[in-house]
Amino acid sequence: MTVVLLDPRWPGVVPVAALALLRGPVQVTADVAVEGLGLEVVATGGVLVSSDAAHPEVLRRTAAGEDVVAASPPPGIALLDAVAVMDRLRSPGGCPWDAEQTHESLRRYLVEECYELLDALASGVREDVVEELGDVLLQVLFHARVAEDFTVDDVATGLVAKLVHRHPHVFAGSEVVAGAVAQELRWDELKAVEKKRASAVDGVALAQPALALAAKLVSRAGRAGLPDELVPGPLRGLDGDAEDTLREAALAFAADVRVAEQSARGAGLDPSRLTGVEWSTHWPG
């Protein structure tokens, strides 16, 4: 005999391997809704169907050595829970604050959450990265729910179409791409055709920080063949990593300041009143 374990969150998701088993008599535990499933339910014997892994009958059968076929929902199915929660918060009877938000009122939260995610990625702490990714995802779900002329399904459908179209070597098998650099160039080519842009710098997000903006503009123009001598002096030498490079340097500088202050305290000095010579004396390295 066999035990079929359904996922309690998604009891309608039946393992493919269990479909043939469910054509015969089945015994179900009280947590399983059988209406509309066309199952031949019996009081005892037959394949046991349950969504409760700790149910006494499940435990008895597994202890007796019966095979277990467990549901394995596809990756990403929990995103449906997130969509449902967001919908509940914005619906009548939900959260008043969530219900009042607009695209405009949410702008600052989107920016803040992206920066917090960058901090978490820099820390490398798994729990922090997972949490901050969730907060960024919340902003995506929030904006999709706030919108009146599109839904989260439109967002996901558009993303899938974009990824498939820009990876023909993966999904269509119509091209061969030799390495990441070639794929990046091909991505830009396909994107240019899609967007029908008149300029190499069209589509660059102008609201991003100045350094990142400058690096992106220089990169775009450079790919279009603009010679280096035509790039304004302050922008020369910038690349796509300029923002991250400066951020790393800034964080390292802040860390050195703290080390010097701690060293000065250890020497009985007040870090807020250090002279230039004292700063140099206690500076790390």
C-alpha atoms as a PDB file:
ATOM      1  CA  MET A   1       0.000   0.000   0.000  1.00  0.00           C
ATOM      2  CA  THR A   2       0.972   3.651  -0.351  1.00  0.00           C
ATOM      3  CA  VAL A   3       0.581   6.951   1.514  1.00  0.00           C
ATOM      4  CA  VAL A   4       0.047  10.089  -0.588  1.00  0.00           C
ATOM      5  CA  LEU A   5       1.032  13.225   1.317  1.00  0.00           C
ATOM      6  CA  LEU A   6      -0.355  16.513   0.025  1.00  0.00           C
ATOM      7  CA  ASP A   7       1.079  19.903   0.893  1.00  0.00           C
ATOM      8  CA  PRO A   8      -1.289  21.436   3.500  1.00  0.00           C
ATOM      9  CA  ARG A   9      -0.791  24.869   1.906  1.00  0.00           C
ATOM     10  CA  TRP A  10      -1.733  23.591  -1.540  1.00  0.00           C
ATOM     11  CA  PRO A  11      -3.938  20.517  -1.057  1.00  0.00           C
ATOM     12  CA  GLY A  12      -5.022  20.676  -4.675  1.00  0.00           C
ATOM     13  CA  VAL A  13      -1.482  20.020  -5.935  1.00  0.00           C
ATOM     14  CA  VAL A  14      -1.310  16.245  -6.454  1.00  0.00           C
ATOM     15  CA  PRO A  15       2.046  14.553  -7.183  1.00  0.00           C
ATOM     16  CA  VAL A  16       2.211  13.231 -10.744  1.00  0.00           C
ATOM     17  CA  ALA A  17       3.440   9.911  -9.379  1.00  0.00           C
ATOM     18  CA  ALA A  18       0.221   9.608  -7.361  1.00  0.00           C
ATOM     19  CA  LEU A  19      -2.265  10.105 -10.199  1.00  0.00           C
ATOM     20  CA  ALA A  20      -2.413   6.413 -11.135  1.00  0.00           C
ATOM     21  CA  LEU A  21      -2.727   5.455  -7.467  1.00  0.00           C
ATOM     22  CA  LEU A  22      -5.785   7.654  -6.996  1.00  0.00           C
ATOM     23  CA  ARG A  23      -7.763   5.832  -9.663  1.00  0.00           C
ATOM     24  CA  GLY A  24      -8.511   3.046  -7.186  1.00  0.00           C
ATOM     25  CA  PRO A  25     -10.001   3.008  -3.663  1.00  0.00           C
ATOM     26  CA  VAL A  26      -8.541   5.595  -1.306  1.00  0.00           C
ATOM     27  CA  GLN A  27      -8.777   6.258   2.387  1.00  0.00           C
ATOM     28  CA  VAL A  28      -8.595   9.933   3.369  1.00  0.00           C
ATOM     29  CA  THR A  29      -7.940  11.731   6.637  1.00  0.00           C
ATOM     30  CA  ALA A  30     -10.330  14.430   7.820  1.00  0.00           C
ATOM     31  CA  ASP A  31      -8.090  17.257   6.575  1.00  0.00           C
ATOM     32  CA  VAL A  32      -8.534  16.281   2.921  1.00  0.00           C
ATOM     33  CA  ALA A  33     -11.461  17.752   0.964  1.00  0.00           C
ATOM     34  CA  VAL A  34     -12.571  15.173  -1.593  1.00  0.00           C
ATOM     35  CA  GLU A  35     -15.471  17.035  -3.207  1.00  0.00           C
ATOM     36  CA  GLY A  36     -15.087  17.235  -6.955  1.00  0.00           C
ATOM     37  CA  LEU A  37     -12.020  15.011  -7.079  1.00  0.00           C
ATOM     38  CA  GLY A  38     -13.861  11.916  -8.258  1.00  0.00           C
ATOM     39  CA  LEU A  39     -12.165   9.691  -5.705  1.00  0.00           C
ATOM     40  CA  GLU A  40     -13.544   6.317  -4.603  1.00  0.00           C
ATOM     41  CA  VAL A  41     -13.360   6.825  -0.848  1.00  0.00           C
ATOM     42  CA  VAL A  42     -13.375   3.820   1.479  1.00  0.00           C
ATOM     43  CA  ALA A  43     -13.357   3.648   5.275  1.00  0.00           C
ATOM     44  CA  THR A  44     -10.291   1.429   5.527  1.00  0.00           C
ATOM     45  CA  GLY A  45      -7.651   0.072   3.222  1.00  0.00           C
ATOM     46  CA  GLY A  46      -6.667   1.496  -0.120  1.00  0.00           C
ATOM     47  CA  VAL A  47      -4.207   4.292  -0.726  1.00  0.00           C
ATOM     48  CA  LEU A  48      -4.139   6.749   2.167  1.00  0.00           C
ATOM     49  CA  VAL A  49      -4.398  10.425   1.178  1.00  0.00           C
ATOM     50  CA  SER A  50      -3.542  13.064   3.784  1.00  0.00           C
ATOM     51  CA  SER A  51      -2.030  16.505   4.166  1.00  0.00           C
ATOM     52  CA  ASP A  52      -1.101  15.858   7.806  1.00  0.00           C
ATOM     53  CA  ALA A  53       2.257  14.112   8.096  1.00  0.00           C
ATOM     54  CA  ALA A  54       1.687  13.702  11.856  1.00  0.00           C
ATOM     55  CA  HIS A  55      -1.739  12.051  11.539  1.00  0.00           C
ATOM     56  CA  PRO A  56      -1.851   8.766  13.538  1.00  0.00           C
ATOM     57  CA  GLU A  57      -2.878   6.731  10.490  1.00  0.00           C
ATOM     58  CA  VAL A  58      -0.076   8.247   8.417  1.00  0.00           C
ATOM     59  CA  LEU A  59       2.419   7.459  11.153  1.00  0.00           C
ATOM     60  CA  ARG A  60       1.076   3.922  11.527  1.00  0.00           C
ATOM     61  CA  ARG A  61       1.353   3.170   7.841  1.00  0.00           C
ATOM     62  CA  THR A  62       4.784   4.697   7.386  1.00  0.00           C
ATOM     63  CA  ALA A  63       6.017   2.815  10.447  1.00  0.00           C
ATOM     64  CA  ALA A  64       4.740  -0.348   8.783  1.00  0.00           C
ATOM     65  CA  GLY A  65       6.972   0.371   5.817  1.00  0.00           C
ATOM     66  CA  GLU A  66       4.410   1.618   3.297  1.00  0.00           C
ATOM     67  CA  ASP A  67       5.710   3.746   0.426  1.00  0.00           C
ATOM     68  CA  VAL A  68       5.196   7.497   0.652  1.00  0.00           C
ATOM     69  CA  VAL A  69       4.530   9.721  -2.347  1.00  0.00           C
ATOM     70  CA  ALA A  70       4.837  13.326  -1.198  1.00  0.00           C
ATOM     71  CA  ALA A  71       3.753  16.444  -3.038  1.00  0.00           C
ATOM     72  CA  SER A  72       6.593  18.667  -4.098  1.00  0.00           C
ATOM     73  CA  PRO A  73       5.157  22.019  -5.168  1.00  0.00           C
ATOM     74  CA  PRO A  74       7.232  23.771  -7.830  1.00  0.00           C
ATOM     75  CA  PRO A  75       9.719  26.456  -6.776  1.00  0.00           C
ATOM     76  CA  GLY A  76       8.028  29.824  -6.478  1.00  0.00           C
ATOM     77  CA  ILE A  77       4.599  28.577  -5.490  1.00  0.00           C
ATOM     78  CA  ALA A  78       4.908  30.428  -2.169  1.00  0.00           C
ATOM     79  CA  LEU A  79       4.818  33.657  -4.177  1.00  0.00           C
ATOM     80  CA  LEU A  80       1.087  33.040  -4.567  1.00  0.00           C
ATOM     81  CA  ASP A  81       0.779  33.332  -0.778  1.00  0.00           C
ATOM     82  CA  ALA A  82       2.563  36.687  -0.916  1.00  0.00           C
ATOM     83  CA  VAL A  83       0.197  37.910  -3.642  1.00  0.00           C
ATOM     84  CA  ALA A  84      -2.827  36.768  -1.611  1.00  0.00           C
ATOM     85  CA  VAL A  85      -1.593  38.536   1.546  1.00  0.00           C
ATOM     86  CA  MET A  86      -0.967  41.760  -0.381  1.00  0.00           C
ATOM     87  CA  ASP A  87      -4.457  41.545  -1.860  1.00  0.00           C
ATOM     88  CA  ARG A  88      -5.976  41.067   1.601  1.00  0.00           C
ATOM     89  CA  LEU A  89      -4.127  44.076   2.982  1.00  0.00           C
ATOM     90  CA  ARG A  90      -5.402  46.337   0.193  1.00  0.00           C
ATOM     91  CA  SER A  91      -8.973  45.013   0.172  1.00  0.00           C
ATOM     92  CA  PRO A  92     -11.916  46.269   2.280  1.00  0.00           C
ATOM     93  CA  GLY A  93     -11.429  45.147   5.861  1.00  0.00           C
ATOM     94  CA  GLY A  94      -7.666  45.041   5.409  1.00  0.00           C
ATOM     95  CA  CYS A  95      -5.051  47.545   6.578  1.00  0.00           C
ATOM     96  CA  PRO A  96      -6.048  51.253   6.397  1.00  0.00           C
ATOM     97  CA  TRP A  97      -2.453  52.382   5.851  1.00  0.00           C
ATOM     98  CA  ASP A  98      -1.867  49.907   3.026  1.00  0.00           C
ATOM     99  CA  ALA A  99      -5.166  50.899   1.432  1.00  0.00           C
ATOM    100  CA  GLU A 100      -4.142  54.582   1.314  1.00  0.00           C
ATOM    101  CA  GLN A 101      -0.803  54.111  -0.425  1.00  0.00           C
ATOM    102  CA  THR A 102      -0.134  55.242  -3.983  1.00  0.00           C
ATOM    103  CA  HIS A 103       2.734  54.793  -6.435  1.00  0.00           C
ATOM    104  CA  GLU A 104       3.994  58.206  -5.378  1.00  0.00           C
ATOM    105  CA  SER A 105       3.809  57.586  -1.615  1.00  0.00           C
ATOM    106  CA  LEU A 106       5.680  54.296  -2.015  1.00  0.00           C
ATOM    107  CA  ARG A 107       8.603  55.736  -3.973  1.00  0.00           C
ATOM    108  CA  ARG A 108      10.829  56.406  -0.983  1.00  0.00           C
ATOM    109  CA  TYR A 109      10.246  52.946   0.457  1.00  0.00           C
ATOM    110  CA  LEU A 110      11.348  51.329  -2.788  1.00  0.00           C
ATOM    111  CA  VAL A 111      14.597  53.306  -2.746  1.00  0.00           C
ATOM    112  CA  GLU A 112      15.200  52.603   0.952  1.00  0.00           C
ATOM    113  CA  GLU A 113      14.572  48.879   0.586  1.00  0.00           C
ATOM    114  CA  CYS A 114      16.976  48.613  -2.354  1.00  0.00           C
ATOM    115  CA  TYR A 115      19.737  50.262  -0.333  1.00  0.00           C
ATOM    116  CA  GLU A 116      19.006  48.035   2.651  1.00  0.00           C
ATOM    117  CA  LEU A 117      19.289  45.020   0.362  1.00  0.00           C
ATOM    118  CA  LEU A 118      22.677  46.286  -0.846  1.00  0.00           C
ATOM    119  CA  ASP A 119      23.811  46.523   2.786  1.00  0.00           C
ATOM    120  CA  ALA A 120      22.597  42.988   3.458  1.00  0.00           C
ATOM    121  CA  LEU A 121      24.405  41.654   0.389  1.00  0.00           C
ATOM    122  CA  ALA A 122      27.580  43.359   1.564  1.00  0.00           C
ATOM    123  CA  SER A 123      27.221  41.772   5.010  1.00  0.00           C
ATOM    124  CA  GLY A 124      26.796  38.292   3.553  1.00  0.00           C
ATOM    125  CA  VAL A 125      24.428  37.327   6.380  1.00  0.00           C
ATOM    126  CA  ARG A 126      21.930  34.877   4.865  1.00  0.00           C
ATOM    127  CA  GLU A 127      19.015  35.828   7.095  1.00  0.00           C
ATOM    128  CA  ASP A 128      19.481  39.532   6.342  1.00  0.00           C
ATOM    129  CA  VAL A 129      19.673  38.934   2.590  1.00  0.00           C
ATOM    130  CA  VAL A 130      16.501  36.815   2.647  1.00  0.00           C
ATOM    131  CA  GLU A 131      14.636  39.421   4.697  1.00  0.00           C
ATOM    132  CA  GLU A 132      15.678  42.358   2.527  1.00  0.00           C
ATOM    133  CA  LEU A 133      14.871  40.494  -0.685  1.00  0.00           C
ATOM    134  CA  GLY A 134      11.424  39.978   0.800  1.00  0.00           C
ATOM    135  CA  ASP A 135      11.087  43.697   1.449  1.00  0.00           C
ATOM    136  CA  VAL A 136      12.016  44.501  -2.155  1.00  0.00           C
ATOM    137  CA  LEU A 137       9.530  41.868  -3.335  1.00  0.00           C
ATOM    138  CA  LEU A 138       6.895  43.552  -1.161  1.00  0.00           C
ATOM    139  CA  GLN A 139       7.430  46.773  -3.078  1.00  0.00           C
ATOM    140  CA  VAL A 140       6.899  44.957  -6.393  1.00  0.00           C
ATOM    141  CA  LEU A 141       3.696  43.352  -5.109  1.00  0.00           C
ATOM    142  CA  PHE A 142       2.546  46.646  -3.573  1.00  0.00           C
ATOM    143  CA  HIS A 143       2.937  48.643  -6.790  1.00  0.00           C
ATOM    144  CA  ALA A 144       1.273  45.894  -8.818  1.00  0.00           C
ATOM    145  CA  ARG A 145      -1.681  45.857  -6.406  1.00  0.00           C
ATOM    146  CA  VAL A 146      -1.964  49.650  -6.292  1.00  0.00           C
ATOM    147  CA  ALA A 147      -2.113  49.846 -10.098  1.00  0.00           C
ATOM    148  CA  GLU A 148      -5.514  50.169 -11.734  1.00  0.00           C
ATOM    149  CA  ASP A 149      -4.528  49.327 -15.298  1.00  0.00           C
ATOM    150  CA  PHE A 150      -2.340  46.243 -14.757  1.00  0.00           C
ATOM    151  CA  THR A 151      -1.891  43.366 -12.305  1.00  0.00           C
ATOM    152  CA  VAL A 152       0.948  41.333 -10.859  1.00  0.00           C
ATOM    153  CA  ASP A 153       0.222  38.738 -13.544  1.00  0.00           C
ATOM    154  CA  ASP A 154       0.891  41.370 -16.203  1.00  0.00           C
ATOM    155  CA  VAL A 155       4.211  42.119 -14.508  1.00  0.00           C
ATOM    156  CA  ALA A 156       5.199  38.441 -14.383  1.00  0.00           C
ATOM    157  CA  THR A 157       4.017  37.757 -17.937  1.00  0.00           C
ATOM    158  CA  GLY A 158       6.012  40.684 -19.269  1.00  0.00           C
ATOM    159  CA  LEU A 159       9.122  39.547 -17.394  1.00  0.00           C
ATOM    160  CA  VAL A 160       8.854  35.995 -18.738  1.00  0.00           C
ATOM    161  CA  ALA A 161       8.397  37.256 -22.302  1.00  0.00           C
ATOM    162  CA  LYS A 162      11.421  39.536 -21.950  1.00  0.00           C
ATOM    163  CA  LEU A 163      13.699  36.832 -20.531  1.00  0.00           C
ATOM    164  CA  VAL A 164      12.695  34.298 -23.171  1.00  0.00           C
ATOM    165  CA  HIS A 165      13.128  36.766 -26.042  1.00  0.00           C
ATOM    166  CA  ARG A 166      16.525  37.953 -24.842  1.00  0.00           C
ATOM    167  CA  HIS A 167      17.854  34.417 -24.370  1.00  0.00           C
ATOM    168  CA  PRO A 168      17.198  32.807 -27.768  1.00  0.00           C
ATOM    169  CA  HIS A 169      20.252  30.585 -27.279  1.00  0.00           C
ATOM    170  CA  VAL A 170      18.504  29.060 -24.245  1.00  0.00           C
ATOM    171  CA  PHE A 171      14.835  28.911 -25.166  1.00  0.00           C
ATOM    172  CA  ALA A 172      14.833  28.764 -28.964  1.00  0.00           C
ATOM    173  CA  GLY A 173      18.163  27.113 -29.653  1.00  0.00           C
ATOM    174  CA  SER A 174      18.484  29.439 -32.640  1.00  0.00           C
ATOM    175  CA  GLU A 175      21.785  31.014 -31.608  1.00  0.00           C
ATOM    176  CA  VAL A 176      25.088  30.121 -30.010  1.00  0.00           C
ATOM    177  CA  VAL A 177      26.507  32.506 -27.423  1.00  0.00           C
ATOM    178  CA  ALA A 178      30.141  32.082 -26.439  1.00  0.00           C
ATOM    179  CA  GLY A 179      30.441  33.384 -22.888  1.00  0.00           C
ATOM    180  CA  ALA A 180      28.978  36.055 -20.663  1.00  0.00           C
ATOM    181  CA  VAL A 181      30.497  39.025 -22.523  1.00  0.00           C
ATOM    182  CA  ALA A 182      28.937  37.918 -25.814  1.00  0.00           C
ATOM    183  CA  GLN A 183      25.590  37.408 -24.080  1.00  0.00           C
ATOM    184  CA  GLU A 184      25.718  40.903 -22.587  1.00  0.00           C
ATOM    185  CA  LEU A 185      26.300  42.407 -26.040  1.00  0.00           C
ATOM    186  CA  ARG A 186      23.529  40.300 -27.556  1.00  0.00           C
ATOM    187  CA  TRP A 187      21.181  41.370 -24.730  1.00  0.00           C
ATOM    188  CA  ASP A 188      21.824  45.009 -25.564  1.00  0.00           C
ATOM    189  CA  GLU A 189      21.244  44.361 -29.289  1.00  0.00           C
ATOM    190  CA  LEU A 190      17.901  42.657 -28.668  1.00  0.00           C
ATOM    191  CA  LYS A 191      16.907  45.338 -26.182  1.00  0.00           C
ATOM    192  CA  ALA A 192      17.657  48.086 -28.708  1.00  0.00           C
ATOM    193  CA  VAL A 193      15.441  46.382 -31.281  1.00  0.00           C
ATOM    194  CA  GLU A 194      12.625  45.972 -28.740  1.00  0.00           C
ATOM    195  CA  LYS A 195      12.726  49.540 -27.459  1.00  0.00           C
ATOM    196  CA  LYS A 196      13.353  51.171 -30.855  1.00  0.00           C
ATOM    197  CA  ARG A 197      15.511  53.773 -29.138  1.00  0.00           C
ATOM    198  CA  ALA A 198      16.906  56.679 -31.110  1.00  0.00           C
ATOM    199  CA  SER A 199      19.914  57.251 -28.837  1.00  0.00           C
ATOM    200  CA  ALA A 200      22.465  55.040 -27.120  1.00  0.00           C
ATOM    201  CA  VAL A 201      21.639  56.776 -23.845  1.00  0.00           C
ATOM    202  CA  ASP A 202      17.862  56.472 -24.099  1.00  0.00           C
ATOM    203  CA  GLY A 203      16.367  54.442 -21.269  1.00  0.00           C
ATOM    204  CA  VAL A 204      19.065  55.240 -18.702  1.00  0.00           C
ATOM    205  CA  ALA A 205      17.416  55.876 -15.330  1.00  0.00           C
ATOM    206  CA  LEU A 206      18.134  59.548 -14.653  1.00  0.00           C
ATOM    207  CA  ALA A 207      16.993  59.360 -11.018  1.00  0.00           C
ATOM    208  CA  GLN A 208      19.864  57.096  -9.945  1.00  0.00           C
ATOM    209  CA  PRO A 209      22.813  58.504  -7.930  1.00  0.00           C
ATOM    210  CA  ALA A 210      25.086  60.804  -9.939  1.00  0.00           C
ATOM    211  CA  LEU A 211      28.099  58.479  -9.980  1.00  0.00           C
ATOM    212  CA  ALA A 212      26.073  55.475 -11.118  1.00  0.00           C
ATOM    213  CA  LEU A 213      24.315  57.650 -13.685  1.00  0.00           C
ATOM    214  CA  ALA A 214      27.600  58.953 -15.085  1.00  0.00           C
ATOM    215  CA  ALA A 215      29.092  55.449 -15.266  1.00  0.00           C
ATOM    216  CA  LYS A 216      26.017  54.117 -17.066  1.00  0.00           C
ATOM    217  CA  LEU A 217      25.997  56.945 -19.604  1.00  0.00           C
ATOM    218  CA  VAL A 218      29.716  56.509 -20.332  1.00  0.00           C
ATOM    219  CA  SER A 219      29.251  52.753 -20.692  1.00  0.00           C
ATOM    220  CA  ARG A 220      26.297  53.112 -23.070  1.00  0.00           C
ATOM    221  CA  ALA A 221      28.072  55.697 -25.223  1.00  0.00           C
ATOM    222  CA  GLY A 222      31.272  53.625 -25.246  1.00  0.00           C
ATOM    223  CA  ARG A 223      29.412  50.570 -26.514  1.00  0.00           C
ATOM    224  CA  ALA A 224      28.046  52.725 -29.314  1.00  0.00           C
ATOM    225  CA  GLY A 225      31.630  53.540 -30.356  1.00  0.00           C
ATOM    226  CA  LEU A 226      32.089  56.966 -28.750  1.00  0.00           C
ATOM    227  CA  PRO A 227      35.877  57.603 -28.455  1.00  0.00           C
ATOM    228  CA  ASP A 228      37.280  58.235 -24.977  1.00  0.00           C
ATOM    229  CA  GLU A 229      38.541  61.712 -25.878  1.00  0.00           C
ATOM    230  CA  LEU A 230      34.965  62.933 -26.296  1.00  0.00           C
ATOM    231  CA  VAL A 231      34.032  61.906 -22.760  1.00  0.00           C
ATOM    232  CA  PRO A 232      34.164  64.908 -20.359  1.00  0.00           C
ATOM    233  CA  GLY A 233      37.200  64.833 -18.097  1.00  0.00           C
ATOM    234  CA  PRO A 234      35.376  64.176 -14.790  1.00  0.00           C
ATOM    235  CA  LEU A 235      33.608  61.178 -16.359  1.00  0.00           C
ATOM    236  CA  ARG A 236      36.611  59.447 -17.900  1.00  0.00           C
ATOM    237  CA  GLY A 237      37.632  56.129 -16.428  1.00  0.00           C
ATOM    238  CA  LEU A 238      34.208  55.387 -14.993  1.00  0.00           C
ATOM    239  CA  ASP A 239      32.770  51.928 -15.563  1.00  0.00           C
ATOM    240  CA  GLY A 240      29.677  50.009 -14.494  1.00  0.00           C
ATOM    241  CA  ASP A 241      31.240  49.220 -11.101  1.00  0.00           C
ATOM    242  CA  ALA A 242      32.106  52.826 -10.241  1.00  0.00           C
ATOM    243  CA  GLU A 243      29.265  53.175  -7.718  1.00  0.00           C
ATOM    244  CA  ASP A 244      30.158  49.913  -5.973  1.00  0.00           C
ATOM    245  CA  THR A 245      33.871  50.767  -5.989  1.00  0.00           C
ATOM    246  CA  LEU A 246      33.260  54.140  -4.360  1.00  0.00           C
ATOM    247  CA  ARG A 247      30.832  52.577  -1.886  1.00  0.00           C
ATOM    248  CA  GLU A 248      33.436  49.985  -0.857  1.00  0.00           C
ATOM    249  CA  ALA A 249      36.048  52.711  -0.449  1.00  0.00           C
ATOM    250  CA  ALA A 250      33.646  54.786   1.661  1.00  0.00           C
ATOM    251  CA  LEU A 251      32.803  51.836   3.916  1.00  0.00           C
ATOM    252  CA  ALA A 252      36.493  50.996   4.329  1.00  0.00           C
ATOM    253  CA  PHE A 253      37.174  54.634   5.226  1.00  0.00           C
ATOM    254  CA  ALA A 254      34.406  54.600   7.853  1.00  0.00           C
ATOM    255  CA  ALA A 255      35.859  51.408   9.316  1.00  0.00           C
ATOM    256  CA  ASP A 256      39.332  53.008   9.517  1.00  0.00           C
ATOM    257  CA  VAL A 257      37.878  56.049  11.288  1.00  0.00           C
ATOM    258  CA  ARG A 258      36.319  53.799  13.919  1.00  0.00           C
ATOM    259  CA  VAL A 259      39.549  51.866  14.396  1.00  0.00           C
ATOM    260  CA  ALA A 260      41.521  55.099  14.882  1.00  0.00           C
ATOM    261  CA  GLU A 261      38.939  56.411  17.357  1.00  0.00           C
ATOM    262  CA  GLN A 262      39.046  53.189  19.339  1.00  0.00           C
ATOM    263  CA  SER A 263      42.835  53.288  19.389  1.00  0.00           C
ATOM    264  CA  ALA A 264      42.775  56.885  20.619  1.00  0.00           C
ATOM    265  CA  ARG A 265      40.329  55.993  23.385  1.00  0.00           C
ATOM    266  CA  GLY A 266      42.678  53.227  24.449  1.00  0.00           C
ATOM    267  CA  ALA A 267      45.409  55.823  24.763  1.00  0.00           C
ATOM    268  CA  GLY A 268      43.215  57.986  26.996  1.00  0.00           C
ATOM    269  CA  LEU A 269      42.365  60.550  24.312  1.00  0.00           C
ATOM    270  CA  ASP A 270      39.008  62.052  23.378  1.00  0.00           C
ATOM    271  CA  PRO A 271      38.301  61.012  19.738  1.00  0.00           C
ATOM    272  CA  SER A 272      36.250  64.175  19.182  1.00  0.00           C
ATOM    273  CA  ARG A 273      39.278  66.405  19.979  1.00  0.00           C
ATOM    274  CA  LEU A 274      42.131  64.687  18.117  1.00  0.00           C
ATOM    275  CA  THR A 275      44.759  66.747  16.326  1.00  0.00           C
ATOM    276  CA  GLY A 276      45.928  65.922  12.834  1.00  0.00           C
ATOM    277  CA  VAL A 277      49.076  64.339  14.252  1.00  0.00           C
ATOM    278  CA  GLU A 278      47.062  62.208  16.691  1.00  0.00           C
ATOM    279  CA  TRP A 279      44.757  61.033  13.899  1.00  0.00           C
ATOM    280  CA  SER A 280      47.819  59.968  11.890  1.00  0.00           C
ATOM    281  CA  THR A 281      49.350  58.249  14.916  1.00  0.00           C
ATOM    282  CA  HIS A 282      46.283  56.082  15.511  1.00  0.00           C
ATOM    283  CA  TRP A 283      45.313  55.560  11.876  1.00  0.00           C
ATOM    284  CA  PRO A 284      45.333  51.824  10.987  1.00  0.00           C
ATOM    285  CA  GLY A 285      48.046  50.473   8.720  1.00  0.00           C
END
